[in-house]
Full PDB file with SEQRES, HELIX, SHEET, SSBOND, CRYST1, ORIGX, SCALE, CONECT and MASTER records, all heavy atoms in Angstrom:
SEQRES   1 A   36  ILE LEU ALA THR LEU ILE ALA CYS VAL ILE HIS GLU GLY          
SEQRES   2 A   36  GLY HIS TYR LEU ALA ALA ARG LEU PHE GLY LYS ARG LEU          
SEQRES   3 A   36  ARG PHE ARG PHE ALA TRP GLY ARG PHE GLY                      
HELIX    1 AA1 LEU A    2  LEU A   21  1                                  20    
CRYST1    1.000    1.000    1.000  90.00  90.00  90.00 P 1           1          
ORIGX1      1.000000  0.000000  0.000000        0.00000                         
ORIGX2      0.000000  1.000000  0.000000        0.00000                         
ORIGX3      0.000000  0.000000  1.000000        0.00000                         
SCALE1      1.000000  0.000000  0.000000        0.00000                         
SCALE2      0.000000  1.000000  0.000000        0.00000                         
SCALE3      0.000000  0.000000  1.000000        0.00000                         
ATOM      1  N   ILE A   1      18.477  87.457  44.766  1.00  0.00           N  
ATOM      2  CA  ILE A   1      17.044  87.596  44.489  1.00  0.00           C  
ATOM      3  C   ILE A   1      16.538  88.949  44.965  1.00  0.00           C  
ATOM      4  O   ILE A   1      15.799  89.644  44.261  1.00  0.00           O  
ATOM      5  CB  ILE A   1      16.254  86.450  45.139  1.00  0.00           C  
ATOM      6  CG1 ILE A   1      16.612  85.122  44.479  1.00  0.00           C  
ATOM      7  CG2 ILE A   1      14.753  86.706  45.063  1.00  0.00           C  
ATOM      8  CD1 ILE A   1      16.055  83.910  45.178  1.00  0.00           C  
ATOM      9  N   LEU A   2      16.948  89.361  46.157  1.00  0.00           N  
ATOM     10  CA  LEU A   2      16.536  90.655  46.700  1.00  0.00           C  
ATOM     11  C   LEU A   2      17.062  91.803  45.839  1.00  0.00           C  
ATOM     12  O   LEU A   2      16.327  92.757  45.545  1.00  0.00           O  
ATOM     13  CB  LEU A   2      17.027  90.800  48.141  1.00  0.00           C  
ATOM     14  CG  LEU A   2      16.616  92.068  48.865  1.00  0.00           C  
ATOM     15  CD1 LEU A   2      15.094  92.135  48.987  1.00  0.00           C  
ATOM     16  CD2 LEU A   2      17.261  92.116  50.233  1.00  0.00           C  
ATOM     17  N   ALA A   3      18.308  91.706  45.404  1.00  0.00           N  
ATOM     18  CA  ALA A   3      18.887  92.750  44.556  1.00  0.00           C  
ATOM     19  C   ALA A   3      18.155  92.835  43.216  1.00  0.00           C  
ATOM     20  O   ALA A   3      17.919  93.929  42.695  1.00  0.00           O  
ATOM     21  CB  ALA A   3      20.362  92.481  44.331  1.00  0.00           C  
ATOM     22  N   THR A   4      17.776  91.694  42.671  1.00  0.00           N  
ATOM     23  CA  THR A   4      17.047  91.679  41.406  1.00  0.00           C  
ATOM     24  C   THR A   4      15.671  92.317  41.564  1.00  0.00           C  
ATOM     25  O   THR A   4      15.237  93.106  40.712  1.00  0.00           O  
ATOM     26  CB  THR A   4      16.898  90.235  40.889  1.00  0.00           C  
ATOM     27  OG1 THR A   4      18.205  89.662  40.745  1.00  0.00           O  
ATOM     28  CG2 THR A   4      16.187  90.197  39.558  1.00  0.00           C  
ATOM     29  N   LEU A   5      14.989  92.007  42.652  1.00  0.00           N  
ATOM     30  CA  LEU A   5      13.670  92.600  42.895  1.00  0.00           C  
ATOM     31  C   LEU A   5      13.762  94.113  43.086  1.00  0.00           C  
ATOM     32  O   LEU A   5      12.931  94.858  42.569  1.00  0.00           O  
ATOM     33  CB  LEU A   5      13.020  91.957  44.111  1.00  0.00           C  
ATOM     34  CG  LEU A   5      12.528  90.520  43.915  1.00  0.00           C  
ATOM     35  CD1 LEU A   5      12.038  89.955  45.239  1.00  0.00           C  
ATOM     36  CD2 LEU A   5      11.449  90.458  42.868  1.00  0.00           C  
ATOM     37  N   ILE A   6      14.768  94.555  43.809  1.00  0.00           N  
ATOM     38  CA  ILE A   6      14.952  95.999  44.022  1.00  0.00           C  
ATOM     39  C   ILE A   6      15.254  96.695  42.701  1.00  0.00           C  
ATOM     40  O   ILE A   6      14.722  97.777  42.420  1.00  0.00           O  
ATOM     41  CB  ILE A   6      16.059  96.255  45.068  1.00  0.00           C  
ATOM     42  CG1 ILE A   6      15.568  95.825  46.445  1.00  0.00           C  
ATOM     43  CG2 ILE A   6      16.471  97.721  45.072  1.00  0.00           C  
ATOM     44  CD1 ILE A   6      16.635  95.845  47.514  1.00  0.00           C  
ATOM     45  N   ALA A   7      16.083  96.074  41.859  1.00  0.00           N  
ATOM     46  CA  ALA A   7      16.398  96.657  40.553  1.00  0.00           C  
ATOM     47  C   ALA A   7      15.148  96.764  39.688  1.00  0.00           C  
ATOM     48  O   ALA A   7      14.952  97.765  38.990  1.00  0.00           O  
ATOM     49  CB  ALA A   7      17.464  95.826  39.850  1.00  0.00           C  
ATOM     50  N   CYS A   8      14.291  95.754  39.748  1.00  0.00           N  
ATOM     51  CA  CYS A   8      13.038  95.789  38.977  1.00  0.00           C  
ATOM     52  C   CYS A   8      12.117  96.900  39.463  1.00  0.00           C  
ATOM     53  O   CYS A   8      11.501  97.596  38.656  1.00  0.00           O  
ATOM     54  CB  CYS A   8      12.331  94.441  39.063  1.00  0.00           C  
ATOM     55  SG  CYS A   8      13.163  93.136  38.157  1.00  0.00           S  
ATOM     56  N   VAL A   9      12.027  97.064  40.772  1.00  0.00           N  
ATOM     57  CA  VAL A   9      11.174  98.116  41.332  1.00  0.00           C  
ATOM     58  C   VAL A   9      11.698  99.501  40.939  1.00  0.00           C  
ATOM     59  O   VAL A   9      10.920 100.383  40.565  1.00  0.00           O  
ATOM     60  CB  VAL A   9      11.068  97.973  42.866  1.00  0.00           C  
ATOM     61  CG1 VAL A   9      10.439  99.200  43.503  1.00  0.00           C  
ATOM     62  CG2 VAL A   9      10.284  96.722  43.224  1.00  0.00           C  
ATOM     63  N   ILE A  10      13.000  99.688  40.985  1.00  0.00           N  
ATOM     64  CA  ILE A  10      13.585 100.970  40.587  1.00  0.00           C  
ATOM     65  C   ILE A  10      13.316 101.239  39.115  1.00  0.00           C  
ATOM     66  O   ILE A  10      12.914 102.345  38.721  1.00  0.00           O  
ATOM     67  CB  ILE A  10      15.095 100.997  40.890  1.00  0.00           C  
ATOM     68  CG1 ILE A  10      15.323 101.044  42.397  1.00  0.00           C  
ATOM     69  CG2 ILE A  10      15.783 102.168  40.194  1.00  0.00           C  
ATOM     70  CD1 ILE A  10      16.761 100.838  42.803  1.00  0.00           C  
ATOM     71  N   HIS A  11      13.515 100.233  38.280  1.00  0.00           N  
ATOM     72  CA  HIS A  11      13.320 100.386  36.838  1.00  0.00           C  
ATOM     73  C   HIS A  11      11.862 100.732  36.511  1.00  0.00           C  
ATOM     74  O   HIS A  11      11.593 101.718  35.809  1.00  0.00           O  
ATOM     75  CB  HIS A  11      13.737  99.086  36.132  1.00  0.00           C  
ATOM     76  CG  HIS A  11      13.537  99.124  34.659  1.00  0.00           C  
ATOM     77  ND1 HIS A  11      14.519  99.554  33.799  1.00  0.00           N  
ATOM     78  CD2 HIS A  11      12.472  98.790  33.895  1.00  0.00           C  
ATOM     79  CE1 HIS A  11      14.054  99.483  32.566  1.00  0.00           C  
ATOM     80  NE2 HIS A  11      12.812  99.024  32.594  1.00  0.00           N  
ATOM     81  N   GLU A  12      10.945  99.935  37.005  1.00  0.00           N  
ATOM     82  CA  GLU A  12       9.524 100.167  36.718  1.00  0.00           C  
ATOM     83  C   GLU A  12       9.029 101.444  37.388  1.00  0.00           C  
ATOM     84  O   GLU A  12       8.162 102.134  36.857  1.00  0.00           O  
ATOM     85  CB  GLU A  12       8.681  98.969  37.145  1.00  0.00           C  
ATOM     86  CG  GLU A  12       9.034  97.687  36.412  1.00  0.00           C  
ATOM     87  CD  GLU A  12       8.945  97.806  34.900  1.00  0.00           C  
ATOM     88  OE1 GLU A  12       8.106  98.576  34.392  1.00  0.00           O  
ATOM     89  OE2 GLU A  12       9.712  97.119  34.222  1.00  0.00           O  
ATOM     90  N   GLY A  13       9.584 101.775  38.551  1.00  0.00           N  
ATOM     91  CA  GLY A  13       9.234 103.025  39.216  1.00  0.00           C  
ATOM     92  C   GLY A  13       9.622 104.240  38.390  1.00  0.00           C  
ATOM     93  O   GLY A  13       8.929 105.256  38.396  1.00  0.00           O  
ATOM     94  N   GLY A  14      10.733 104.139  37.666  1.00  0.00           N  
ATOM     95  CA  GLY A  14      11.141 105.229  36.775  1.00  0.00           C  
ATOM     96  C   GLY A  14      10.121 105.480  35.684  1.00  0.00           C  
ATOM     97  O   GLY A  14       9.782 106.622  35.386  1.00  0.00           O  
ATOM     98  N   HIS A  15       9.617 104.394  35.077  1.00  0.00           N  
ATOM     99  CA  HIS A  15       8.564 104.545  34.073  1.00  0.00           C  
ATOM    100  C   HIS A  15       7.319 105.182  34.686  1.00  0.00           C  
ATOM    101  O   HIS A  15       6.726 106.092  34.116  1.00  0.00           O  
ATOM    102  CB  HIS A  15       8.161 103.175  33.502  1.00  0.00           C  
ATOM    103  CG  HIS A  15       9.223 102.495  32.702  1.00  0.00           C  
ATOM    104  ND1 HIS A  15       9.818 103.055  31.601  1.00  0.00           N  
ATOM    105  CD2 HIS A  15       9.782 101.264  32.847  1.00  0.00           C  
ATOM    106  CE1 HIS A  15      10.693 102.204  31.102  1.00  0.00           C  
ATOM    107  NE2 HIS A  15      10.692 101.111  31.844  1.00  0.00           N  
ATOM    108  N   TYR A  16       6.939 104.682  35.846  1.00  0.00           N  
ATOM    109  CA  TYR A  16       5.720 105.157  36.505  1.00  0.00           C  
ATOM    110  C   TYR A  16       5.827 106.645  36.860  1.00  0.00           C  
ATOM    111  O   TYR A  16       4.909 107.421  36.593  1.00  0.00           O  
ATOM    112  CB  TYR A  16       5.449 104.327  37.755  1.00  0.00           C  
ATOM    113  CG  TYR A  16       4.216 104.761  38.500  1.00  0.00           C  
ATOM    114  CD1 TYR A  16       2.957 104.401  38.052  1.00  0.00           C  
ATOM    115  CD2 TYR A  16       4.315 105.550  39.637  1.00  0.00           C  
ATOM    116  CE1 TYR A  16       1.815 104.811  38.719  1.00  0.00           C  
ATOM    117  CE2 TYR A  16       3.188 105.962  40.314  1.00  0.00           C  
ATOM    118  CZ  TYR A  16       1.938 105.589  39.850  1.00  0.00           C  
ATOM    119  OH  TYR A  16       0.826 106.011  40.519  1.00  0.00           O  
ATOM    120  N   LEU A  17       6.942 107.039  37.453  1.00  0.00           N  
ATOM    121  CA  LEU A  17       7.102 108.437  37.863  1.00  0.00           C  
ATOM    122  C   LEU A  17       7.149 109.381  36.667  1.00  0.00           C  
ATOM    123  O   LEU A  17       6.604 110.487  36.724  1.00  0.00           O  
ATOM    124  CB  LEU A  17       8.350 108.592  38.733  1.00  0.00           C  
ATOM    125  CG  LEU A  17       8.265 107.954  40.113  1.00  0.00           C  
ATOM    126  CD1 LEU A  17       9.602 108.078  40.837  1.00  0.00           C  
ATOM    127  CD2 LEU A  17       7.153 108.573  40.936  1.00  0.00           C  
ATOM    128  N   ALA A  18       7.797 108.956  35.593  1.00  0.00           N  
ATOM    129  CA  ALA A  18       7.846 109.793  34.392  1.00  0.00           C  
ATOM    130  C   ALA A  18       6.446 109.962  33.807  1.00  0.00           C  
ATOM    131  O   ALA A  18       6.074 111.063  33.377  1.00  0.00           O  
ATOM    132  CB  ALA A  18       8.785 109.195  33.358  1.00  0.00           C  
ATOM    133  N   ALA A  19       5.676 108.896  33.789  1.00  0.00           N  
ATOM    134  CA  ALA A  19       4.312 108.992  33.264  1.00  0.00           C  
ATOM    135  C   ALA A  19       3.466 109.911  34.129  1.00  0.00           C  
ATOM    136  O   ALA A  19       2.690 110.730  33.622  1.00  0.00           O  
ATOM    137  CB  ALA A  19       3.684 107.599  33.187  1.00  0.00           C  
ATOM    138  N   ARG A  20       3.596 109.799  35.438  1.00  0.00           N  
ATOM    139  CA  ARG A  20       2.828 110.658  36.351  1.00  0.00           C  
ATOM    140  C   ARG A  20       3.255 112.121  36.193  1.00  0.00           C  
ATOM    141  O   ARG A  20       2.437 113.021  36.340  1.00  0.00           O  
ATOM    142  CB  ARG A  20       3.015 110.215  37.797  1.00  0.00           C  
ATOM    143  CG  ARG A  20       2.446 108.841  38.095  1.00  0.00           C  
ATOM    144  CD  ARG A  20       0.968 108.733  37.815  1.00  0.00           C  
ATOM    145  NE  ARG A  20       0.236 109.594  38.731  1.00  0.00           N  
ATOM    146  CZ  ARG A  20      -0.985 110.043  38.507  1.00  0.00           C  
ATOM    147  NH1 ARG A  20      -1.623 109.709  37.425  1.00  0.00           N  
ATOM    148  NH2 ARG A  20      -1.572 110.813  39.373  1.00  0.00           N  
ATOM    149  N   LEU A  21       4.527 112.358  35.902  1.00  0.00           N  
ATOM    150  CA  LEU A  21       5.019 113.712  35.682  1.00  0.00           C  
ATOM    151  C   LEU A  21       4.281 114.368  34.513  1.00  0.00           C  
ATOM    152  O   LEU A  21       3.993 115.565  34.541  1.00  0.00           O  
ATOM    153  CB  LEU A  21       6.524 113.695  35.418  1.00  0.00           C  
ATOM    154  CG  LEU A  21       7.191 115.025  35.133  1.00  0.00           C  
ATOM    155  CD1 LEU A  21       7.224 115.870  36.402  1.00  0.00           C  
ATOM    156  CD2 LEU A  21       8.586 114.810  34.615  1.00  0.00           C  
ATOM    157  N   PHE A  22       3.960 113.572  33.497  1.00  0.00           N  
ATOM    158  CA  PHE A  22       3.244 114.087  32.327  1.00  0.00           C  
ATOM    159  C   PHE A  22       1.729 113.938  32.458  1.00  0.00           C  
ATOM    160  O   PHE A  22       0.996 114.187  31.511  1.00  0.00           O  
ATOM    161  CB  PHE A  22       3.711 113.368  31.061  1.00  0.00           C  
ATOM    162  CG  PHE A  22       5.139 113.652  30.710  1.00  0.00           C  
ATOM    163  CD1 PHE A  22       6.031 112.619  30.506  1.00  0.00           C  
ATOM    164  CD2 PHE A  22       5.601 114.949  30.589  1.00  0.00           C  
ATOM    165  CE1 PHE A  22       7.343 112.872  30.178  1.00  0.00           C  
ATOM    166  CE2 PHE A  22       6.917 115.219  30.267  1.00  0.00           C  
ATOM    167  CZ  PHE A  22       7.795 114.172  30.058  1.00  0.00           C  
ATOM    168  N   GLY A  23       1.256 113.503  33.612  1.00  0.00           N  
ATOM    169  CA  GLY A  23      -0.172 113.393  33.831  1.00  0.00           C  
ATOM    170  C   GLY A  23      -0.800 112.147  33.229  1.00  0.00           C  
ATOM    171  O   GLY A  23      -2.008 112.094  33.026  1.00  0.00           O  
ATOM    172  N   LYS A  24       0.005 111.149  32.928  1.00  0.00           N  
ATOM    173  CA  LYS A  24      -0.495 109.902  32.346  1.00  0.00           C  
ATOM    174  C   LYS A  24      -0.455 108.808  33.401  1.00  0.00           C  
ATOM    175  O   LYS A  24       0.251 108.894  34.393  1.00  0.00           O  
ATOM    176  CB  LYS A  24       0.361 109.470  31.142  1.00  0.00           C  
ATOM    177  CG  LYS A  24       0.424 110.492  30.046  1.00  0.00           C  
ATOM    178  CD  LYS A  24      -0.925 110.694  29.435  1.00  0.00           C  
ATOM    179  CE  LYS A  24      -0.875 111.765  28.358  1.00  0.00           C  
ATOM    180  NZ  LYS A  24      -2.168 112.088  27.850  1.00  0.00           N  
ATOM    181  N   ARG A  25      -1.225 107.763  33.170  1.00  0.00           N  
ATOM    182  CA  ARG A  25      -1.227 106.602  34.058  1.00  0.00           C  
ATOM    183  C   ARG A  25      -0.814 105.383  33.262  1.00  0.00           C  
ATOM    184  O   ARG A  25      -1.312 105.155  32.170  1.00  0.00           O  
ATOM    185  CB  ARG A  25      -2.603 106.377  34.646  1.00  0.00           C  
ATOM    186  CG  ARG A  25      -3.009 107.482  35.594  1.00  0.00           C  
ATOM    187  CD  ARG A  25      -4.189 107.070  36.396  1.00  0.00           C  
ATOM    188  NE  ARG A  25      -3.836 105.977  37.278  1.00  0.00           N  
ATOM    189  CZ  ARG A  25      -3.697 106.090  38.589  1.00  0.00           C  
ATOM    190  NH1 ARG A  25      -3.893 107.252  39.144  1.00  0.00           N  
ATOM    191  NH2 ARG A  25      -3.390 105.062  39.326  1.00  0.00           N  
ATOM    192  N   LEU A  26       0.101 104.620  33.824  1.00  0.00           N  
ATOM    193  CA  LEU A  26       0.491 103.353  33.214  1.00  0.00           C  
ATOM    194  C   LEU A  26      -0.340 102.252  33.831  1.00  0.00           C  
ATOM    195  O   LEU A  26      -0.615 102.261  35.029  1.00  0.00           O  
ATOM    196  CB  LEU A  26       1.974 103.067  33.456  1.00  0.00           C  
ATOM    197  CG  LEU A  26       2.957 104.052  32.843  1.00  0.00           C  
ATOM    198  CD1 LEU A  26       4.380 103.633  33.189  1.00  0.00           C  
ATOM    199  CD2 LEU A  26       2.789 104.123  31.351  1.00  0.00           C  
ATOM    200  N   ARG A  27      -0.731 101.306  33.037  1.00  0.00           N  
ATOM    201  CA  ARG A  27      -1.475 100.159  33.539  1.00  0.00           C  
ATOM    202  C   ARG A  27      -0.547  98.957  33.557  1.00  0.00           C  
ATOM    203  O   ARG A  27      -0.079  98.508  32.508  1.00  0.00           O  
ATOM    204  CB  ARG A  27      -2.680  99.883  32.657  1.00  0.00           C  
ATOM    205  CG  ARG A  27      -3.685 100.999  32.745  1.00  0.00           C  
ATOM    206  CD  ARG A  27      -4.995 100.599  32.119  1.00  0.00           C  
ATOM    207  NE  ARG A  27      -5.914 101.702  32.295  1.00  0.00           N  
ATOM    208  CZ  ARG A  27      -6.647 102.191  31.340  1.00  0.00           C  
ATOM    209  NH1 ARG A  27      -6.602 101.670  30.140  1.00  0.00           N  
ATOM    210  NH2 ARG A  27      -7.463 103.199  31.575  1.00  0.00           N  
ATOM    211  N   PHE A  28      -0.271  98.465  34.744  1.00  0.00           N  
ATOM    212  CA  PHE A  28       0.561  97.283  34.885  1.00  0.00           C  
ATOM    213  C   PHE A  28      -0.337  96.056  34.854  1.00  0.00           C  
ATOM    214  O   PHE A  28      -1.415  96.051  35.418  1.00  0.00           O  
ATOM    215  CB  PHE A  28       1.344  97.327  36.198  1.00  0.00           C  
ATOM    216  CG  PHE A  28       2.442  98.341  36.203  1.00  0.00           C  
ATOM    217  CD1 PHE A  28       2.206  99.631  36.626  1.00  0.00           C  
ATOM    218  CD2 PHE A  28       3.705  98.003  35.768  1.00  0.00           C  
ATOM    219  CE1 PHE A  28       3.216 100.576  36.620  1.00  0.00           C  
ATOM    220  CE2 PHE A  28       4.725  98.942  35.758  1.00  0.00           C  
ATOM    221  CZ  PHE A  28       4.474 100.225  36.193  1.00  0.00           C  
ATOM    222  N   ARG A  29       0.129  95.011  34.182  1.00  0.00           N  
ATOM    223  CA  ARG A  29      -0.618  93.763  34.121  1.00  0.00           C  
ATOM    224  C   ARG A  29       0.348  92.595  34.092  1.00  0.00           C  
ATOM    225  O   ARG A  29       1.519  92.748  33.771  1.00  0.00           O  
ATOM    226  CB  ARG A  29      -1.550  93.737  32.915  1.00  0.00           C  
ATOM    227  CG  ARG A  29      -0.849  93.842  31.591  1.00  0.00           C  
ATOM    228  CD  ARG A  29      -1.850  93.923  30.442  1.00  0.00           C  
ATOM    229  NE  ARG A  29      -1.180  94.282  29.207  1.00  0.00           N  
ATOM    230  CZ  ARG A  29      -0.591  93.421  28.397  1.00  0.00           C  
ATOM    231  NH1 ARG A  29      -0.576  92.141  28.683  1.00  0.00           N  
ATOM    232  NH2 ARG A  29      -0.001  93.833  27.298  1.00  0.00           N  
ATOM    233  N   PHE A  30      -0.162  91.443  34.421  1.00  0.00           N  
ATOM    234  CA  PHE A  30       0.616  90.222  34.428  1.00  0.00           C  
ATOM    235  C   PHE A  30       0.479  89.557  33.068  1.00  0.00           C  
ATOM    236  O   PHE A  30      -0.606  89.513  32.502  1.00  0.00           O  
ATOM    237  CB  PHE A  30       0.092  89.285  35.527  1.00  0.00           C  
ATOM    238  CG  PHE A  30       0.811  87.991  35.609  1.00  0.00           C  
ATOM    239  CD1 PHE A  30       2.039  87.911  36.228  1.00  0.00           C  
ATOM    240  CD2 PHE A  30       0.269  86.850  35.062  1.00  0.00           C  
ATOM    241  CE1 PHE A  30       2.707  86.716  36.319  1.00  0.00           C  
ATOM    242  CE2 PHE A  30       0.926  85.652  35.132  1.00  0.00           C  
ATOM    243  CZ  PHE A  30       2.154  85.575  35.765  1.00  0.00           C  
ATOM    244  N   ALA A  31       1.591  89.057  32.525  1.00  0.00           N  
ATOM    245  CA  ALA A  31       1.550  88.392  31.228  1.00  0.00           C  
ATOM    246  C   ALA A  31       2.579  87.270  31.198  1.00  0.00           C  
ATOM    247  O   ALA A  31       3.550  87.272  31.969  1.00  0.00           O  
ATOM    248  CB  ALA A  31       1.829  89.387  30.106  1.00  0.00           C  
ATOM    249  N   TRP A  32       2.354  86.350  30.324  1.00  0.00           N  
ATOM    250  CA  TRP A  32       3.318  85.271  30.120  1.00  0.00           C  
ATOM    251  C   TRP A  32       4.275  85.694  29.029  1.00  0.00           C  
ATOM    252  O   TRP A  32       3.875  86.021  27.924  1.00  0.00           O  
ATOM    253  CB  TRP A  32       2.623  83.971  29.748  1.00  0.00           C  
ATOM    254  CG  TRP A  32       1.821  83.440  30.883  1.00  0.00           C  
ATOM    255  CD1 TRP A  32       0.476  83.535  31.052  1.00  0.00           C  
ATOM    256  CD2 TRP A  32       2.327  82.771  32.039  1.00  0.00           C  
ATOM    257  NE1 TRP A  32       0.107  82.963  32.243  1.00  0.00           N  
ATOM    258  CE2 TRP A  32       1.226  82.478  32.863  1.00  0.00           C  
ATOM    259  CE3 TRP A  32       3.587  82.386  32.461  1.00  0.00           C  
ATOM    260  CZ2 TRP A  32       1.354  81.824  34.077  1.00  0.00           C  
ATOM    261  CZ3 TRP A  32       3.717  81.729  33.675  1.00  0.00           C  
ATOM    262  CH2 TRP A  32       2.612  81.454  34.462  1.00  0.00           C  
ATOM    263  N   GLY A  33       5.544  85.712  29.348  1.00  0.00           N  
ATOM    264  CA  GLY A  33       6.565  86.126  28.396  1.00  0.00           C  
ATOM    265  C   GLY A  33       7.062  84.970  27.551  1.00  0.00           C  
ATOM    266  O   GLY A  33       6.410  83.940  27.411  1.00  0.00           O  
ATOM    267  N   ARG A  34       8.229  85.146  27.014  1.00  0.00           N  
ATOM    268  CA  ARG A  34       8.835  84.110  26.184  1.00  0.00           C  
ATOM    269  C   ARG A  34       9.140  82.872  27.007  1.00  0.00           C  
ATOM    270  O   ARG A  34       9.537  82.957  28.160  1.00  0.00           O  
ATOM    271  CB  ARG A  34      10.118  84.622  25.552  1.00  0.00           C  
ATOM    272  CG  ARG A  34       9.877  85.696  24.544  1.00  0.00           C  
ATOM    273  CD  ARG A  34      11.166  86.088  23.898  1.00  0.00           C  
ATOM    274  NE  ARG A  34      10.922  87.187  22.977  1.00  0.00           N  
ATOM    275  CZ  ARG A  34      11.863  87.861  22.395  1.00  0.00           C  
ATOM    276  NH1 ARG A  34      13.116  87.571  22.631  1.00  0.00           N  
ATOM    277  NH2 ARG A  34      11.553  88.841  21.576  1.00  0.00           N  
ATOM    278  N   PHE A  35       8.976  81.749  26.393  1.00  0.00           N  
ATOM    279  CA  PHE A  35       9.298  80.456  27.003  1.00  0.00           C  
ATOM    280  C   PHE A  35       8.512  80.207  28.287  1.00  0.00           C  
ATOM    281  O   PHE A  35       8.972  79.504  29.171  1.00  0.00           O  
ATOM    282  CB  PHE A  35      10.802  80.324  27.257  1.00  0.00           C  
ATOM    283  CG  PHE A  35      11.645  80.655  26.059  1.00  0.00           C  
ATOM    284  CD1 PHE A  35      12.442  81.781  26.040  1.00  0.00           C  
ATOM    285  CD2 PHE A  35      11.617  79.849  24.932  1.00  0.00           C  
ATOM    286  CE1 PHE A  35      13.224  82.088  24.950  1.00  0.00           C  
ATOM    287  CE2 PHE A  35      12.390  80.158  23.825  1.00  0.00           C  
ATOM    288  CZ  PHE A  35      13.194  81.275  23.825  1.00  0.00           C  
ATOM    289  N   GLY A  36       7.338  80.839  28.409  1.00  0.00           N  
ATOM    290  CA  GLY A  36       6.484  80.601  29.562  1.00  0.00           C  
ATOM    291  C   GLY A  36       6.934  81.275  30.842  1.00  0.00           C  
ATOM    292  O   GLY A  36       6.491  80.926  31.924  1.00  0.00           O  
TER     293      GLY A  36                                                      
MASTER        0    0    0    1    0    0    0    6  292    1    0    3          
END                                                                             
């Protein structure tokens, strides 16, 4: 579980840092995915 959470943070952090590099802001939100 800890490894999965760390992998998610690294993955989403990559998106966030790339967007900030270009001067953009990503908006994170909570959503219900497939199968609830």
